Protein backbone atom coordinates (compact mmCIF):
# COMPACT_ATOMS: atom_id res chain seq x y z
CA UNK A 1 16.98 -12.90 7.06
CA UNK A 2 16.08 -12.68 10.57
CA UNK A 3 13.12 -15.50 11.60
CA UNK A 4 10.50 -14.84 14.28
CA UNK A 5 7.04 -16.54 15.12
CA UNK A 6 4.14 -14.43 15.69
CA UNK A 7 0.52 -14.30 16.53
CA UNK A 8 -2.31 -13.03 13.92
CA UNK A 9 -3.67 -9.74 15.37
CA UNK A 10 -6.55 -7.35 14.29
CA UNK A 11 -6.98 -4.07 13.84
CA UNK A 12 -10.55 -2.33 12.72
CA UNK A 13 -10.42 -4.54 9.61
CA UNK A 14 -7.09 -4.97 9.22
CA UNK A 15 -4.46 -8.02 10.36
CA UNK A 16 -1.08 -7.43 12.02
CA UNK A 17 1.78 -8.81 13.87
CA UNK A 18 4.45 -7.28 16.06
CA UNK A 19 7.65 -7.23 14.43
CA UNK A 20 10.01 -8.03 16.87
CA UNK A 21 12.18 -4.96 18.64
CA UNK A 22 15.41 -6.83 17.90
CA UNK A 23 14.71 -7.31 14.22
CA UNK A 24 12.52 -3.53 14.26
CA UNK A 25 16.08 -2.17 15.06
CA UNK A 26 17.77 -3.79 11.91
CA UNK A 27 15.08 -3.23 9.56
CA UNK A 28 15.56 0.84 10.95
CA UNK A 29 19.42 0.09 10.67
CA UNK A 30 19.22 -0.57 7.31
CA UNK A 31 16.75 1.59 6.11
CA UNK A 32 19.03 4.41 7.43
CA UNK A 33 15.74 5.61 9.76
CA UNK A 34 13.31 4.76 11.66
CA UNK A 35 10.36 6.54 10.79
CA UNK A 36 7.67 6.35 7.89
CA UNK A 37 7.48 3.29 5.84
CA UNK A 38 9.65 0.98 5.96
CA UNK A 39 9.69 -1.20 2.86
CA UNK A 40 10.08 -5.09 3.46
CA UNK A 41 10.20 -8.52 1.69
CA UNK A 42 10.43 -12.04 3.40
CA UNK A 43 8.46 -14.87 3.67
CA UNK A 44 5.07 -16.41 5.74
CA UNK A 45 4.55 -19.87 6.42
CA UNK A 46 6.81 -20.18 3.24
CA UNK A 47 5.67 -17.67 0.46
CA UNK A 48 7.37 -15.22 0.07
CA UNK A 49 5.96 -11.22 0.57
CA UNK A 50 6.36 -7.86 -0.39
CA UNK A 51 5.37 -4.97 2.22
CA UNK A 52 5.64 -1.95 3.82
CA UNK A 53 5.93 -1.78 7.76
CA UNK A 54 3.95 1.00 9.42
CA UNK A 55 3.71 2.44 12.55
CA UNK A 56 0.18 3.45 13.54
CA UNK A 57 -0.82 4.07 17.68
CA UNK A 58 2.62 4.13 18.07
CA UNK A 59 3.58 0.96 17.23
CA UNK A 60 5.21 -1.14 13.81
CA UNK A 61 3.24 -3.49 12.34
CA UNK A 62 3.25 -5.61 9.79
CA UNK A 63 -0.21 -5.44 8.20
CA UNK A 64 -1.19 -8.70 6.37
CA UNK A 65 -3.52 -9.14 4.02
CA UNK A 66 -4.77 -11.74 0.97
CA UNK A 67 -2.62 -11.85 -1.37
CA UNK A 68 0.23 -12.53 1.54
CA UNK A 69 -1.93 -15.00 3.23
CA UNK A 70 -4.89 -16.41 2.00
CA UNK A 71 -8.32 -15.71 3.98
CA UNK A 72 -5.93 -13.71 6.67
CA UNK A 73 -9.23 -11.95 8.57
CA UNK A 74 -10.50 -15.39 9.57
CA UNK A 75 -6.62 -16.25 11.07
CA UNK A 76 -6.93 -14.28 13.83
CA UNK A 77 -5.66 -15.41 16.47
CA UNK A 78 -2.91 -18.23 14.29
CA UNK A 79 0.87 -18.62 14.79
CA UNK A 80 2.56 -17.55 11.61
CA UNK A 81 5.86 -18.40 10.60
CA UNK A 82 7.40 -14.70 9.21
CA UNK A 83 11.35 -14.06 7.38
CA UNK A 84 11.51 -10.28 7.04
CA UNK A 85 14.47 -7.74 5.65
CA UNK A 86 14.36 -4.25 4.22
CA UNK A 87 13.64 -4.52 0.71
CA UNK A 88 16.13 -1.80 -1.19
CA UNK A 89 13.70 -2.23 -4.51
CA UNK A 90 12.93 0.73 -6.13
CA UNK A 91 9.19 0.40 -5.76
CA UNK A 92 8.58 4.36 -8.07
CA UNK A 93 4.98 3.15 -9.91
CA UNK A 94 4.76 5.65 -12.83
CA UNK A 95 1.00 6.56 -13.74
CA UNK A 96 -0.41 5.07 -16.86
CA UNK A 97 -0.50 6.74 -19.78
CA UNK A 98 -3.93 7.38 -20.36
CA UNK A 99 -3.75 8.92 -16.90
CA UNK A 100 -0.92 11.17 -17.46
CA UNK A 101 -2.58 12.27 -20.68
CA UNK A 102 -6.00 12.79 -19.20
CA UNK A 103 -4.36 14.85 -16.74
CA UNK A 104 -2.47 16.63 -19.34
CA UNK A 105 -5.43 17.72 -21.14
CA UNK A 106 -7.62 19.13 -17.67
CA UNK A 107 -5.38 21.55 -16.22
CA UNK A 108 -8.01 21.96 -12.99
CA UNK A 109 -7.99 18.15 -13.01
CA UNK A 110 -4.04 18.51 -12.45
CA UNK A 111 -3.94 21.32 -10.06
CA UNK A 112 -6.18 18.79 -7.73
CA UNK A 113 -4.13 15.96 -8.86
CA UNK A 114 -0.85 17.47 -7.71
CA UNK A 115 -2.76 19.46 -4.22
CA UNK A 116 -3.53 15.59 -3.38
CA UNK A 117 -1.27 14.15 -0.48
CA UNK A 118 1.59 12.23 -2.13
CA UNK A 119 -0.37 9.03 -0.80
CA UNK A 120 -3.59 9.68 -2.47
CA UNK A 121 -1.99 10.63 -5.02
CA UNK A 122 -0.39 7.37 -4.66
CA UNK A 123 -3.61 5.27 -4.46
CA UNK A 124 -4.61 6.66 -7.71
CA UNK A 125 -1.79 6.12 -9.63
CA UNK A 126 -1.71 2.68 -8.39
CA UNK A 127 -5.40 1.61 -8.52
CA UNK A 128 -5.81 2.51 -12.38
CA UNK A 129 -1.66 0.61 -13.25
CA UNK A 130 -3.27 -2.10 -11.94
CA UNK A 131 -6.18 -2.70 -14.12
CA UNK A 132 -5.92 -5.23 -16.48
CA UNK A 133 -8.08 -4.11 -19.45
CA UNK A 134 -7.50 -1.34 -21.98
CA UNK A 135 -11.42 -1.11 -21.07
CA UNK A 136 -11.36 -1.06 -17.84
CA UNK A 137 -8.53 2.11 -17.83
CA UNK A 138 -10.66 3.97 -20.21
CA UNK A 139 -13.88 3.97 -17.52
CA UNK A 140 -11.94 4.56 -14.58
CA UNK A 141 -9.58 7.60 -15.48
CA UNK A 142 -13.08 8.88 -16.77
CA UNK A 143 -13.98 8.62 -13.04
CA UNK A 144 -10.24 9.54 -11.40
CA UNK A 145 -10.60 13.49 -13.53
CA UNK A 146 -14.64 13.15 -12.15
CA UNK A 147 -13.45 12.20 -8.99
CA UNK A 148 -11.25 15.32 -8.66
CA UNK A 149 -13.66 17.77 -10.51
CA UNK A 150 -16.23 16.95 -7.36
CA UNK A 151 -18.51 15.09 -10.49
CA UNK A 152 -18.21 11.24 -8.35
CA UNK A 153 -16.93 8.93 -5.98
CA UNK A 154 -13.57 7.15 -6.51
CA UNK A 155 -11.72 4.35 -5.31
CA UNK A 156 -14.00 4.22 -2.01
CA UNK A 157 -14.19 8.30 -1.37
CA UNK A 158 -16.33 11.09 -1.44
CA UNK A 159 -16.00 13.51 -4.69
CA UNK A 160 -13.64 16.39 -4.23
CA UNK A 161 -13.97 19.34 -3.33
């Protein structure tokens, strides 16, 4: 697994590191593409992580969230040691059954959901899938349907129109 050191930088509120070009080329070859998000895994300061490599404003960036590195936004300027490799694992998320049922029972919301960009669909599915209690799932499925119907905010977004 390729190793490198990098300085944490920040763009907006998002800490990240640049991945060296020679390592990027290996990742592109393993992924059979050099466009779109690239699933990766590795370690940061010997702690395992799973992430997606993203190209933004013309540069490939490995965003460092707080699950990967504690207090990462406060560590800008710190040099960290990383390993990185392509992650071939299936990352398909299955929608929570309660979200699926709610969409089936509300054809208008289902249509709005189907018309969303794949990334926004994934964001909604991911948000609900990682909730820990049934009460939270119930409440947020209702909020998601209301969001799709233009009735309330959800996941930091204004209601759909």
